[in-house]
Amino acid sequence: MAKVEQVLSLEPQHGLKFQGPFTDVVTTNLKLGNPTDRNVCFKVKTTALRRYCVRPNSGVMPGPLSMCR
């Protein structure tokens, strides 16, 4: 199977960090960037659906040079 080309840029690149206290809702940001001149679809998945809510969890990033927070 061919290697899939990485199209979107991610910030942070390697993981999200959540700052406590965890007695209330805690948020953090993932920034997606589309450096191409093409439209790119994305979908964010979580392994713990009841603990983490992602909004928007999917969409289309129109090119060129668009960003989604």
N, C-alpha and C. Protein backbone atom coordinates (compact mmCIF):
# COMPACT_ATOMS: atom_id res chain seq x y z
N MET A 1 0.84 -1.18 0.00
CA MET A 1 0.00 0.00 0.00
C MET A 1 0.89 1.25 0.00
N ALA A 2 0.56 2.21 -0.83
CA ALA A 2 1.35 3.43 -0.95
C ALA A 2 1.19 4.31 0.29
N LYS A 3 2.24 5.02 0.62
CA LYS A 3 2.20 5.94 1.76
C LYS A 3 1.31 7.13 1.42
N VAL A 4 0.45 7.51 2.36
CA VAL A 4 -0.47 8.64 2.16
C VAL A 4 0.28 9.94 2.37
N GLU A 5 0.11 10.86 1.45
CA GLU A 5 0.76 12.17 1.55
C GLU A 5 0.14 12.99 2.67
N GLN A 6 0.97 13.60 3.53
CA GLN A 6 0.48 14.49 4.58
C GLN A 6 0.17 15.83 3.94
N VAL A 7 -1.11 16.20 3.93
CA VAL A 7 -1.52 17.43 3.26
C VAL A 7 -1.72 18.56 4.25
N LEU A 8 -2.41 18.32 5.35
CA LEU A 8 -2.70 19.37 6.33
C LEU A 8 -1.52 19.59 7.27
N SER A 9 -1.33 20.83 7.65
CA SER A 9 -0.36 21.13 8.71
C SER A 9 -1.11 21.19 10.03
N LEU A 10 -0.51 20.68 11.09
CA LEU A 10 -1.13 20.64 12.41
C LEU A 10 -0.31 21.46 13.40
N GLU A 11 -1.01 22.14 14.29
CA GLU A 11 -0.33 22.88 15.35
C GLU A 11 -1.15 22.75 16.63
N PRO A 12 -0.64 22.09 17.64
CA PRO A 12 0.66 21.46 17.78
C PRO A 12 0.75 20.19 16.94
N GLN A 13 1.95 19.79 16.57
CA GLN A 13 2.15 18.67 15.66
C GLN A 13 1.99 17.31 16.32
N HIS A 14 2.32 17.17 17.60
CA HIS A 14 2.43 15.84 18.18
C HIS A 14 1.45 15.51 19.30
N GLY A 15 0.61 16.42 19.72
CA GLY A 15 -0.34 16.09 20.77
C GLY A 15 -0.94 17.33 21.40
N LEU A 16 -2.08 17.14 22.04
CA LEU A 16 -2.77 18.23 22.73
C LEU A 16 -2.50 18.13 24.22
N LYS A 17 -2.37 19.27 24.87
CA LYS A 17 -2.18 19.30 26.32
C LYS A 17 -3.35 20.04 26.94
N PHE A 18 -3.93 19.45 27.97
CA PHE A 18 -5.05 20.05 28.69
C PHE A 18 -4.55 20.48 30.06
N GLN A 19 -4.85 21.72 30.44
CA GLN A 19 -4.45 22.27 31.73
C GLN A 19 -5.63 22.17 32.70
N GLY A 20 -5.41 21.61 33.90
CA GLY A 20 -6.46 21.48 34.91
C GLY A 20 -6.73 22.80 35.59
N PRO A 21 -7.62 22.86 36.54
CA PRO A 21 -8.26 21.74 37.21
C PRO A 21 -9.35 21.12 36.33
N PHE A 22 -9.55 19.84 36.50
CA PHE A 22 -10.50 19.11 35.67
C PHE A 22 -11.85 18.94 36.36
N THR A 23 -12.22 19.90 37.19
CA THR A 23 -13.53 19.87 37.85
C THR A 23 -14.60 20.51 36.98
N ASP A 24 -14.19 21.18 35.90
CA ASP A 24 -15.11 21.83 34.97
C ASP A 24 -14.62 21.56 33.55
N VAL A 25 -15.32 22.08 32.57
CA VAL A 25 -14.94 21.88 31.17
C VAL A 25 -13.60 22.57 30.90
N VAL A 26 -12.70 21.85 30.26
CA VAL A 26 -11.38 22.35 29.91
C VAL A 26 -11.24 22.29 28.39
N THR A 27 -10.73 23.36 27.79
CA THR A 27 -10.59 23.38 26.33
C THR A 27 -9.13 23.60 25.93
N THR A 28 -8.83 23.18 24.72
CA THR A 28 -7.54 23.45 24.09
C THR A 28 -7.78 23.54 22.59
N ASN A 29 -6.81 24.03 21.85
CA ASN A 29 -7.00 24.25 20.41
C ASN A 29 -6.06 23.39 19.58
N LEU A 30 -6.58 22.94 18.46
CA LEU A 30 -5.80 22.29 17.41
C LEU A 30 -6.00 23.12 16.16
N LYS A 31 -4.92 23.59 15.59
CA LYS A 31 -4.98 24.46 14.42
C LYS A 31 -4.62 23.64 13.18
N LEU A 32 -5.53 23.62 12.20
CA LEU A 32 -5.30 22.92 10.94
C LEU A 32 -5.01 23.94 9.86
N GLY A 33 -4.04 23.65 9.03
CA GLY A 33 -3.72 24.54 7.92
C GLY A 33 -3.66 23.76 6.61
N ASN A 34 -4.14 24.36 5.54
CA ASN A 34 -4.09 23.77 4.22
C ASN A 34 -3.13 24.59 3.36
N PRO A 35 -1.89 24.16 3.22
CA PRO A 35 -0.91 24.93 2.46
C PRO A 35 -0.99 24.70 0.95
N THR A 36 -1.93 23.89 0.50
CA THR A 36 -2.03 23.57 -0.92
C THR A 36 -3.01 24.49 -1.63
N ASP A 37 -3.11 24.35 -2.92
CA ASP A 37 -4.09 25.11 -3.69
C ASP A 37 -5.33 24.27 -4.00
N ARG A 38 -5.47 23.13 -3.31
CA ARG A 38 -6.61 22.23 -3.49
C ARG A 38 -7.50 22.26 -2.25
N ASN A 39 -8.76 21.85 -2.43
CA ASN A 39 -9.63 21.62 -1.28
C ASN A 39 -9.20 20.33 -0.60
N VAL A 40 -9.19 20.31 0.74
CA VAL A 40 -8.80 19.13 1.50
C VAL A 40 -9.86 18.86 2.55
N CYS A 41 -10.33 17.61 2.63
CA CYS A 41 -11.29 17.21 3.66
C CYS A 41 -10.52 16.77 4.90
N PHE A 42 -11.14 16.98 6.08
CA PHE A 42 -10.52 16.50 7.32
C PHE A 42 -11.60 15.90 8.22
N LYS A 43 -11.17 15.00 9.09
CA LYS A 43 -12.03 14.43 10.12
C LYS A 43 -11.16 14.17 11.34
N VAL A 44 -11.61 14.64 12.50
CA VAL A 44 -10.88 14.45 13.76
C VAL A 44 -11.62 13.39 14.55
N LYS A 45 -10.90 12.36 14.98
CA LYS A 45 -11.50 11.28 15.76
C LYS A 45 -10.90 11.27 17.16
N THR A 46 -11.69 10.79 18.11
CA THR A 46 -11.21 10.64 19.48
C THR A 46 -11.39 9.19 19.91
N THR A 47 -10.57 8.75 20.82
CA THR A 47 -10.68 7.38 21.33
C THR A 47 -11.59 7.31 22.55
N ALA A 48 -12.02 8.45 23.06
CA ALA A 48 -12.89 8.50 24.24
C ALA A 48 -14.04 9.47 23.97
N LEU A 49 -15.05 9.00 23.26
CA LEU A 49 -16.14 9.86 22.80
C LEU A 49 -16.87 10.59 23.93
N ARG A 50 -17.01 9.96 25.08
CA ARG A 50 -17.74 10.58 26.19
C ARG A 50 -16.91 11.63 26.94
N ARG A 51 -15.61 11.59 26.78
CA ARG A 51 -14.75 12.53 27.51
C ARG A 51 -14.29 13.72 26.67
N TYR A 52 -14.22 13.55 25.35
CA TYR A 52 -13.70 14.61 24.49
C TYR A 52 -14.70 14.97 23.40
N CYS A 53 -14.91 16.25 23.22
CA CYS A 53 -15.82 16.77 22.20
C CYS A 53 -14.99 17.61 21.23
N VAL A 54 -15.08 17.31 19.95
CA VAL A 54 -14.31 18.03 18.94
C VAL A 54 -15.28 18.79 18.04
N ARG A 55 -15.07 20.10 17.92
CA ARG A 55 -15.93 20.93 17.06
C ARG A 55 -15.08 21.90 16.28
N PRO A 56 -15.19 22.01 14.99
CA PRO A 56 -15.88 21.06 14.11
C PRO A 56 -15.07 19.78 14.00
N ASN A 57 -15.74 18.64 13.93
CA ASN A 57 -15.02 17.37 13.87
C ASN A 57 -14.73 16.92 12.44
N SER A 58 -15.30 17.60 11.46
CA SER A 58 -15.00 17.30 10.06
C SER A 58 -15.34 18.52 9.21
N GLY A 59 -14.79 18.55 8.02
CA GLY A 59 -15.08 19.67 7.13
C GLY A 59 -14.17 19.67 5.92
N VAL A 60 -14.27 20.74 5.17
CA VAL A 60 -13.44 20.93 3.98
C VAL A 60 -12.62 22.20 4.18
N MET A 61 -11.34 22.07 3.96
CA MET A 61 -10.43 23.22 4.04
C MET A 61 -10.17 23.67 2.61
N PRO A 62 -10.76 24.79 2.19
CA PRO A 62 -10.51 25.25 0.83
C PRO A 62 -9.09 25.82 0.71
N GLY A 63 -8.47 25.62 -0.42
CA GLY A 63 -7.16 26.20 -0.65
C GLY A 63 -7.32 27.56 -1.30
N PRO A 64 -6.34 28.36 -1.41
CA PRO A 64 -5.01 28.15 -0.84
C PRO A 64 -4.87 28.79 0.53
N LEU A 65 -3.98 28.23 1.30
CA LEU A 65 -3.53 28.80 2.58
C LEU A 65 -4.66 29.11 3.56
N SER A 66 -5.59 28.19 3.73
CA SER A 66 -6.68 28.42 4.69
C SER A 66 -6.33 27.80 6.03
N MET A 67 -6.99 28.30 7.09
CA MET A 67 -6.76 27.83 8.46
C MET A 67 -8.09 27.55 9.13
N CYS A 68 -8.10 26.60 10.05
CA CYS A 68 -9.28 26.27 10.84
C CYS A 68 -8.82 26.09 12.27
N ARG A 69 -9.54 26.71 13.22
CA ARG A 69 -9.21 26.56 14.64
C ARG A 69 -10.33 25.86 15.34
